[in-house]
Amino acid sequence: MKKAFQKLSDRFDQKPMGGGGHSHFNMEEATATKAVTPLPGQGQPGPGQMPPKVKNLQYTEPMRFHHPKGHEHKTLRDLGFTGVLDGKIVWTFGDTLMGTHEHNMICATDSTAIGHVSDPMSACDTALYPNSDNVREWIPCNKEEEARGGLSEWAFGGTNIVEIAPNKGLVYYLINHRPGGNGTIKGAGVATCHMGPNNVPEATRAGVQLWNDFEPHWGDVGVAYDPRDDHIYAFGHGPQRDDNELGVRTYLCKAPAHEAMDVDKYSYWNEAQKEWTRQRFTRQGGMGSLKVEMEHAIFGWCAMNQATPFWSNYFNKWMFLHGSCFPDPQVEVRTADKLEGPWEAHGQIASTLPDGKGEGFRYCVCGHPEFDPSGKTVLVTWTRENIIYGVTIEWE
């Protein structure tokens, strides 16, 4: 997935892999409790008081991955979003490499894994290539892309899965043409997804794309479903231009959940006017579209990298646990009654470098509410040098 800063070159510090969690992954145990995505109206209002205050921080060991047979699976990844399909927690990642920091190869530009309800930093690689231990691609190439180099030239990045009906989800993704490692975003699209046999998530693209490269990268920040109006809300960075002033700002669109594959059903949030419009946002304007400007952004300059908006059953509000677009983000929190805001920023609440040691650009600070739907605690993860780190936040 596109980041607001160019990722460091593919060098890796010589660090041990993973750590913590179960040494053996038991799928029956991992999925013993049916996972749910916290949503408005699921139960009685929680007791949380505003503003959010941290009671305790519990930093975790780095994320560990497992083979379907249960043993440890040597995998390196970046990003890390979560959603629910068919009662299982599904992690979605970006670039996925097999091996260790010393010896590895890229096997997928994005991938999935099944989460463990009682061990959040352990996941199982159920989606492998046939007759192989290598993790397979999540968002597939279409026939034209296969003919034009396949995964050697094309990359796809989906953010979090949003389930809109039992075992029916949506995932938003970018199309990145990157021959020789030089990436160009060609547009954004939406895929449907479901949980297939053997706990393997499957995605199906709707055509090539819904939006073009001169429109915001809808969904590349994160996506939420609000059952109160049955709409999907997709947050995305602005389109790229030479000064990158739009690309580090965040924009918002929405559509009825069951019509999200139809680009004509979308509305776009104009922050300057505090209203929704049916005009598409484009870099140049014209042809009935609205020329996208900085003041149309729901979040301003470098305020947010990639993160999933979610409903907090504890605070009875929408919440972002996120980082900025800078190379050294900290964990920040924002809350709102509605996904279009107004959003209130509550500042930094945790460090992404708690011991003060280590190097490397850190990104994709993201909350994962599925592991504790009460909202009293919430896991937050981020990436540094293709390792996923985390902290569990307990609120007062």
Protein backbone atom coordinates (compact mmCIF):
# COMPACT_ATOMS: atom_id res chain seq x y z
CA MET A 1 0.00 0.00 0.00
CA LYS A 2 1.18 3.52 -0.65
CA LYS A 3 2.79 5.23 2.36
CA ALA A 4 3.10 8.97 2.79
CA PHE A 5 6.87 8.62 2.92
CA GLN A 6 8.97 6.36 0.72
CA LYS A 7 9.72 3.22 2.68
CA LEU A 8 13.37 2.69 3.52
CA SER A 9 15.22 0.59 0.97
CA ASP A 10 14.91 -3.14 1.36
CA ARG A 11 17.63 -3.47 3.95
CA PHE A 12 16.99 -5.13 7.28
CA ASP A 13 18.79 -4.84 10.57
CA GLN A 14 19.96 -8.21 11.82
CA LYS A 15 17.35 -8.88 14.46
CA PRO A 16 15.77 -12.11 15.69
CA MET A 17 12.42 -12.99 14.15
CA GLY A 18 9.18 -12.56 16.00
CA GLY A 19 9.03 -13.59 19.60
CA GLY A 20 6.33 -14.06 22.21
CA GLY A 21 2.96 -15.67 21.69
CA HIS A 22 2.27 -19.37 21.34
CA SER A 23 5.09 -21.54 19.97
CA HIS A 24 2.39 -23.71 18.35
CA PHE A 25 -0.76 -22.32 16.74
CA ASN A 26 -3.99 -24.24 17.40
CA MET A 27 -6.69 -23.10 14.98
CA GLU A 28 -9.52 -24.58 17.03
CA GLU A 29 -8.33 -22.66 20.07
CA ALA A 30 -7.65 -19.51 18.05
CA THR A 31 -11.22 -19.38 16.74
CA ALA A 32 -12.99 -20.84 19.79
CA THR A 33 -14.66 -17.51 20.51
CA LYS A 34 -16.61 -15.99 17.65
CA ALA A 35 -15.00 -12.68 16.78
CA VAL A 36 -17.11 -9.57 16.25
CA THR A 37 -16.42 -6.08 15.00
CA PRO A 38 -17.56 -3.51 17.58
CA LEU A 39 -20.43 -1.47 16.16
CA PRO A 40 -22.94 1.08 17.48
CA GLY A 41 -25.93 -0.45 19.22
CA GLN A 42 -24.35 -3.78 20.18
CA GLY A 43 -25.08 -3.42 23.89
CA GLN A 44 -25.48 -1.04 26.78
CA PRO A 45 -23.41 2.16 26.59
CA GLY A 46 -19.94 1.75 28.03
CA PRO A 47 -18.67 3.62 31.11
CA GLY A 48 -15.75 5.44 29.48
CA GLN A 49 -15.42 9.16 30.22
CA MET A 50 -14.02 11.74 27.85
CA PRO A 51 -11.30 12.63 27.19
CA PRO A 52 -9.72 9.16 26.88
CA LYS A 53 -7.07 8.59 29.54
CA VAL A 54 -4.61 5.71 29.67
CA LYS A 55 -4.57 3.53 32.78
CA ASN A 56 -1.91 1.08 31.64
CA LEU A 57 0.31 0.29 28.65
CA GLN A 58 1.45 -3.29 28.03
CA TYR A 59 4.02 -3.54 25.25
CA THR A 60 4.02 -6.86 23.43
CA GLU A 61 6.65 -9.02 21.79
CA PRO A 62 6.84 -8.64 17.98
CA MET A 63 4.20 -10.42 15.97
CA ARG A 64 4.75 -14.10 15.23
CA PHE A 65 3.37 -16.09 12.29
CA HIS A 66 2.56 -19.79 12.04
CA HIS A 67 2.15 -22.42 9.35
CA PRO A 68 -1.27 -24.14 9.01
CA LYS A 69 0.31 -27.19 10.63
CA GLY A 70 0.90 -25.06 13.71
CA HIS A 71 4.65 -24.54 13.75
CA GLU A 72 6.37 -21.18 13.40
CA HIS A 73 6.42 -19.76 9.87
CA LYS A 74 9.36 -17.49 9.02
CA THR A 75 7.59 -14.48 7.55
CA LEU A 76 8.34 -10.75 7.41
CA ARG A 77 5.54 -8.23 6.81
CA ASP A 78 4.50 -4.62 6.98
CA LEU A 79 1.28 -2.73 7.71
CA GLY A 80 -1.27 -4.89 9.56
CA PHE A 81 -5.02 -4.21 9.65
CA THR A 82 -7.76 -6.39 11.14
CA GLY A 83 -11.36 -7.16 10.33
CA VAL A 84 -13.81 -10.03 10.79
CA LEU A 85 -15.12 -12.61 8.33
CA ASP A 86 -17.34 -15.53 9.35
CA GLY A 87 -16.53 -15.01 13.03
CA LYS A 88 -12.75 -15.09 12.50
CA ILE A 89 -10.27 -12.25 12.85
CA VAL A 90 -8.51 -11.64 9.54
CA TRP A 91 -5.23 -9.74 9.42
CA THR A 92 -4.33 -8.00 6.16
CA PHE A 93 -0.74 -7.01 5.43
CA GLY A 94 1.35 -5.31 2.77
CA ASP A 95 4.65 -6.58 1.37
CA THR A 96 5.23 -10.15 2.56
CA LEU A 97 8.62 -11.86 2.54
CA MET A 98 9.53 -15.44 3.34
CA GLY A 99 12.64 -16.02 5.42
CA THR A 100 14.64 -14.03 7.94
CA HIS A 101 16.21 -10.59 7.85
CA GLU A 102 19.44 -12.16 6.63
CA HIS A 103 17.90 -14.33 3.88
CA ASN A 104 14.49 -13.63 2.38
CA MET A 105 12.46 -13.25 -0.78
CA ILE A 106 9.25 -11.38 -1.49
CA CYS A 107 6.31 -13.70 -2.14
CA ALA A 108 3.32 -11.33 -2.07
CA THR A 109 2.59 -7.62 -2.26
CA ASP A 110 -0.24 -8.09 0.21
CA SER A 111 -1.45 -11.07 2.23
CA THR A 112 -3.76 -12.33 4.96
CA ALA A 113 -3.49 -14.35 8.16
CA ILE A 114 -6.00 -15.60 10.74
CA GLY A 115 -5.79 -14.01 14.17
CA HIS A 116 -5.83 -15.73 17.56
CA VAL A 117 -8.62 -14.37 19.77
CA SER A 118 -6.67 -14.87 23.00
CA ASP A 119 -3.17 -14.17 21.65
CA PRO A 120 -3.41 -11.08 19.46
CA MET A 121 0.22 -11.06 18.33
CA SER A 122 0.03 -14.58 16.89
CA ALA A 123 -1.47 -15.34 13.48
CA CYS A 124 -1.73 -18.31 11.13
CA ASP A 125 -0.82 -18.21 7.43
CA THR A 126 -3.72 -20.25 6.07
CA ALA A 127 -3.42 -18.79 2.54
CA LEU A 128 -0.43 -20.46 0.85
CA TYR A 129 0.41 -21.11 -2.79
CA PRO A 130 -0.42 -24.69 -3.90
CA ASN A 131 2.26 -27.24 -2.99
CA SER A 132 4.27 -24.51 -1.29
CA ASP A 133 4.92 -23.00 2.12
CA ASN A 134 5.00 -19.50 0.63
CA VAL A 135 2.28 -17.04 1.54
CA ARG A 136 0.09 -16.20 -1.44
CA GLU A 137 -1.20 -12.90 -2.82
CA TRP A 138 -4.43 -11.53 -1.30
CA ILE A 139 -5.75 -9.12 -3.96
CA PRO A 140 -5.35 -10.93 -7.31
CA CYS A 141 -4.09 -9.62 -10.65
CA ASN A 142 -6.63 -9.52 -13.46
CA LYS A 143 -5.92 -11.06 -16.87
CA GLU A 144 -4.53 -7.87 -18.36
CA GLU A 145 -2.16 -7.35 -15.42
CA GLU A 146 -1.04 -10.98 -15.61
CA ALA A 147 -0.23 -10.47 -19.30
CA ARG A 148 1.73 -7.31 -18.43
CA GLY A 149 4.12 -8.84 -15.94
CA GLY A 150 1.88 -10.05 -13.15
CA LEU A 151 3.22 -9.58 -9.64
CA SER A 152 6.68 -8.73 -10.96
CA GLU A 153 5.21 -5.37 -12.03
CA TRP A 154 1.91 -4.96 -10.20
CA ALA A 155 1.23 -4.58 -6.49
CA PHE A 156 -2.04 -4.31 -4.58
CA GLY A 157 -2.68 -3.17 -1.07
CA GLY A 158 -5.93 -3.73 0.75
CA THR A 159 -6.63 -2.11 4.10
CA ASN A 160 -9.06 -3.56 6.67
CA ILE A 161 -11.88 -5.95 5.78
CA VAL A 162 -15.39 -4.70 6.58
CA GLU A 163 -18.08 -7.37 6.92
CA ILE A 164 -21.48 -6.12 5.68
CA ALA A 165 -23.40 -9.44 5.89
CA PRO A 166 -22.56 -12.89 7.29
CA ASN A 167 -19.33 -13.99 5.58
CA LYS A 168 -19.58 -11.17 3.03
CA GLY A 169 -17.04 -8.41 3.25
CA LEU A 170 -15.50 -5.54 1.34
CA VAL A 171 -11.88 -4.51 1.03
CA TYR A 172 -10.59 -1.32 -0.58
CA TYR A 173 -7.24 -1.44 -2.38
CA LEU A 174 -4.82 0.57 -4.49
CA ILE A 175 -3.39 -0.52 -7.84
CA ASN A 176 0.36 0.13 -7.83
CA HIS A 177 2.33 -0.31 -11.06
CA ARG A 178 5.94 -0.67 -9.90
CA PRO A 179 8.26 -2.16 -12.51
CA GLY A 180 11.80 -2.14 -11.18
CA GLY A 181 10.52 -1.02 -7.79
CA ASN A 182 9.37 2.40 -9.03
CA GLY A 183 5.74 2.64 -8.03
CA THR A 184 2.93 4.64 -9.63
CA ILE A 185 -0.58 4.53 -8.20
CA LYS A 186 -3.00 3.84 -11.06
CA GLY A 187 -6.20 4.12 -9.04
CA ALA A 188 -8.28 2.55 -6.28
CA GLY A 189 -10.88 -0.19 -6.26
CA VAL A 190 -13.15 -2.33 -4.11
CA ALA A 191 -13.20 -6.12 -3.86
CA THR A 192 -15.73 -8.43 -2.26
CA CYS A 193 -14.39 -11.10 0.06
CA HIS A 194 -15.49 -14.14 2.05
CA MET A 195 -13.98 -16.88 4.19
CA GLY A 196 -13.37 -19.93 2.02
CA PRO A 197 -12.58 -23.53 2.95
CA ASN A 198 -9.78 -24.17 5.45
CA ASN A 199 -10.06 -20.63 6.80
CA VAL A 200 -8.61 -19.07 3.66
CA PRO A 201 -9.97 -15.57 2.90
CA GLU A 202 -10.82 -15.06 -0.78
CA ALA A 203 -11.10 -11.72 -2.61
CA THR A 204 -12.82 -10.97 -5.93
CA ARG A 205 -12.17 -7.69 -7.70
CA ALA A 206 -14.96 -5.73 -9.39
CA GLY A 207 -13.44 -4.91 -12.76
CA VAL A 208 -10.15 -3.04 -12.78
CA GLN A 209 -10.79 -0.02 -10.56
CA LEU A 210 -13.46 2.45 -9.47
CA TRP A 211 -11.32 5.59 -9.23
CA ASN A 212 -8.45 6.91 -11.33
CA ASP A 213 -4.97 8.12 -10.45
CA PHE A 214 -6.11 11.78 -10.42
CA GLU A 215 -8.65 11.08 -7.64
CA PRO A 216 -8.01 10.51 -3.93
CA HIS A 217 -6.77 7.06 -2.96
CA TRP A 218 -10.09 6.08 -1.43
CA GLY A 219 -9.80 3.52 1.34
CA ASP A 220 -5.99 3.53 1.63
CA VAL A 221 -6.16 4.99 5.16
CA GLY A 222 -8.95 2.80 6.55
CA VAL A 223 -12.62 1.91 6.22
CA ALA A 224 -15.61 1.60 8.57
CA TYR A 225 -19.21 0.40 8.37
CA ASP A 226 -21.95 2.24 10.26
CA PRO A 227 -25.06 0.02 10.64
CA ARG A 228 -27.18 3.03 11.64
CA ASP A 229 -27.24 4.31 8.07
CA ASP A 230 -25.97 1.12 6.37
CA HIS A 231 -23.08 3.00 4.75
CA ILE A 232 -19.42 2.29 4.19
CA TYR A 233 -17.06 5.18 5.00
CA ALA A 234 -13.69 5.12 3.25
CA PHE A 235 -10.85 7.41 4.32
CA GLY A 236 -8.09 7.98 1.77
CA HIS A 237 -5.10 10.18 1.07
CA GLY A 238 -5.34 12.76 -1.66
CA PRO A 239 -4.08 12.26 -5.22
CA GLN A 240 -0.40 12.73 -5.86
CA ARG A 241 0.92 15.92 -7.41
CA ASP A 242 4.39 17.45 -7.57
CA ASP A 243 4.24 19.29 -4.23
CA ASN A 244 2.52 16.32 -2.50
CA GLU A 245 0.33 18.71 -0.52
CA LEU A 246 -2.79 16.63 -1.26
CA GLY A 247 -1.15 13.23 -0.80
CA VAL A 248 -0.44 13.80 2.89
CA ARG A 249 -3.98 14.92 3.67
CA THR A 250 -6.95 12.62 4.35
CA TYR A 251 -10.31 12.73 2.54
CA LEU A 252 -13.58 10.86 3.13
CA CYS A 253 -16.26 9.27 0.94
CA LYS A 254 -19.24 7.01 1.65
CA ALA A 255 -21.70 4.72 -0.14
CA PRO A 256 -24.56 2.38 0.78
CA ALA A 257 -22.87 -0.82 1.90
CA HIS A 258 -24.56 -3.08 -0.63
CA GLU A 259 -23.91 -0.65 -3.49
CA ALA A 260 -20.26 0.03 -2.72
CA MET A 261 -19.14 -1.60 -5.99
CA ASP A 262 -20.95 1.12 -7.97
CA VAL A 263 -18.91 4.33 -8.17
CA ASP A 264 -22.04 6.32 -9.01
CA LYS A 265 -23.47 5.63 -5.54
CA TYR A 266 -20.71 7.48 -3.67
CA SER A 267 -20.88 10.82 -1.87
CA TYR A 268 -17.81 12.84 -0.89
CA TRP A 269 -17.24 14.87 2.26
CA ASN A 270 -16.43 18.53 1.71
CA GLU A 271 -14.82 19.60 4.96
CA ALA A 272 -14.75 23.24 3.89
CA GLN A 273 -18.54 23.32 3.54
CA LYS A 274 -19.22 20.62 6.15
CA GLU A 275 -21.47 18.78 3.71
CA TRP A 276 -21.67 15.76 1.44
CA THR A 277 -21.56 16.18 -2.34
CA ARG A 278 -22.11 13.77 -5.20
CA GLN A 279 -19.33 15.45 -7.18
CA ARG A 280 -16.24 13.29 -7.50
CA PHE A 281 -13.00 14.86 -6.28
CA THR A 282 -10.35 15.16 -9.01
CA ARG A 283 -6.97 16.82 -9.20
CA GLN A 284 -7.90 19.11 -12.12
CA GLY A 285 -11.68 19.45 -11.75
CA GLY A 286 -13.94 19.66 -14.79
CA MET A 287 -16.40 17.22 -16.36
CA GLY A 288 -18.76 17.72 -13.44
CA SER A 289 -16.14 16.92 -10.80
CA LEU A 290 -14.91 19.12 -7.95
CA LYS A 291 -11.26 20.18 -8.04
CA VAL A 292 -9.91 18.74 -4.83
CA GLU A 293 -8.30 21.29 -2.55
CA MET A 294 -6.47 21.13 0.76
CA GLU A 295 -9.46 22.56 2.64
CA HIS A 296 -11.66 19.65 1.50
CA ALA A 297 -9.60 17.24 3.63
CA ILE A 298 -11.12 15.89 6.84
CA PHE A 299 -7.60 15.60 8.33
CA GLY A 300 -4.89 18.09 7.53
CA TRP A 301 -1.23 18.06 6.55
CA CYS A 302 0.54 14.86 7.64
CA ALA A 303 -2.01 14.32 10.43
CA MET A 304 -2.66 10.66 9.62
CA ASN A 305 -0.82 7.83 7.90
CA GLN A 306 -2.81 4.57 7.64
CA ALA A 307 -5.20 3.50 10.40
CA THR A 308 -8.60 1.86 10.85
CA PRO A 309 -11.51 3.91 12.23
CA PHE A 310 -13.55 1.84 14.70
CA TRP A 311 -16.42 2.10 17.14
CA SER A 312 -15.40 2.09 20.81
CA ASN A 313 -18.04 0.38 22.91
CA TYR A 314 -16.25 1.73 25.97
CA PHE A 315 -16.45 5.41 25.02
CA ASN A 316 -19.54 5.12 22.74
CA LYS A 317 -17.73 7.00 20.00
CA TRP A 318 -15.87 6.44 16.78
CA MET A 319 -12.15 6.32 17.38
CA PHE A 320 -8.87 6.43 15.52
CA LEU A 321 -5.71 5.16 17.17
CA HIS A 322 -3.17 6.32 14.63
CA GLY A 323 0.16 7.94 13.82
CA SER A 324 1.19 10.87 11.69
CA CYS A 325 2.86 10.71 8.26
CA PHE A 326 6.24 11.55 9.76
CA PRO A 327 8.94 8.83 10.02
CA ASP A 328 8.79 8.74 13.85
CA PRO A 329 5.06 8.75 14.71
CA GLN A 330 3.69 8.18 18.18
CA VAL A 331 0.31 6.65 19.06
CA GLU A 332 -2.38 9.33 18.94
CA VAL A 333 -6.12 9.18 19.58
CA ARG A 334 -9.08 10.96 17.96
CA THR A 335 -12.80 10.55 18.69
CA ALA A 336 -16.07 11.60 17.06
CA ASP A 337 -19.80 10.94 17.28
CA LYS A 338 -20.05 10.61 13.50
CA LEU A 339 -17.50 9.40 10.98
CA GLU A 340 -17.61 12.73 9.16
CA GLY A 341 -16.81 14.42 12.46
CA PRO A 342 -16.17 16.78 13.94
CA TRP A 343 -13.15 14.81 15.13
CA GLU A 344 -11.48 15.77 18.38
CA ALA A 345 -7.74 15.18 18.69
CA HIS A 346 -6.63 14.10 22.17
CA GLY A 347 -2.89 13.99 21.52
CA GLN A 348 -0.21 11.35 21.98
CA ILE A 349 -0.84 8.49 24.39
CA ALA A 350 1.96 5.97 23.75
CA SER A 351 5.39 5.68 22.14
CA THR A 352 6.24 3.56 19.09
CA LEU A 353 9.83 3.34 20.35
CA PRO A 354 9.28 2.67 24.06
CA ASP A 355 12.86 1.65 24.89
CA GLY A 356 14.33 4.53 22.90
CA LYS A 357 16.49 2.09 20.96
CA GLY A 358 16.57 1.05 17.33
CA GLU A 359 16.33 2.79 14.00
CA GLY A 360 13.93 2.78 11.14
CA PHE A 361 10.96 4.62 9.86
CA ARG A 362 7.79 3.57 11.69
CA TYR A 363 4.37 3.63 10.07
CA CYS A 364 0.83 2.24 10.00
CA VAL A 365 -0.02 2.87 13.65
CA CYS A 366 -3.38 1.08 13.82
CA GLY A 367 -5.95 0.00 16.40
CA HIS A 368 -7.47 -3.51 16.56
CA PRO A 369 -10.73 -3.49 18.56
CA GLU A 370 -11.75 -7.07 17.66
CA PHE A 371 -9.64 -8.61 20.44
CA ASP A 372 -11.69 -6.89 23.17
CA PRO A 373 -15.12 -5.77 21.90
CA SER A 374 -15.88 -4.14 25.27
CA GLY A 375 -13.36 -1.47 24.32
CA LYS A 376 -11.82 -1.39 27.81
CA THR A 377 -8.53 -2.46 26.22
CA VAL A 378 -7.38 -2.16 22.63
CA LEU A 379 -4.34 -3.47 20.78
CA VAL A 380 -2.34 -1.02 18.67
CA THR A 381 0.34 -2.12 16.20
CA TRP A 382 2.86 -0.45 13.91
CA THR A 383 5.61 -1.49 11.51
CA ARG A 384 9.37 -0.96 11.82
CA GLU A 385 11.78 -2.68 9.42
CA ASN A 386 9.15 -5.24 8.33
CA ILE A 387 8.40 -6.33 11.89
CA ILE A 388 5.00 -5.68 13.51
CA TYR A 389 5.23 -4.29 17.03
CA GLY A 390 2.38 -3.65 19.45
CA VAL A 391 1.03 -2.26 22.71
CA THR A 392 -2.22 -3.03 24.54
CA ILE A 393 -3.82 0.10 25.92
CA GLU A 394 -6.07 -0.10 28.98
CA TRP A 395 -8.30 2.92 29.51
CA GLU A 396 -9.21 4.50 32.83
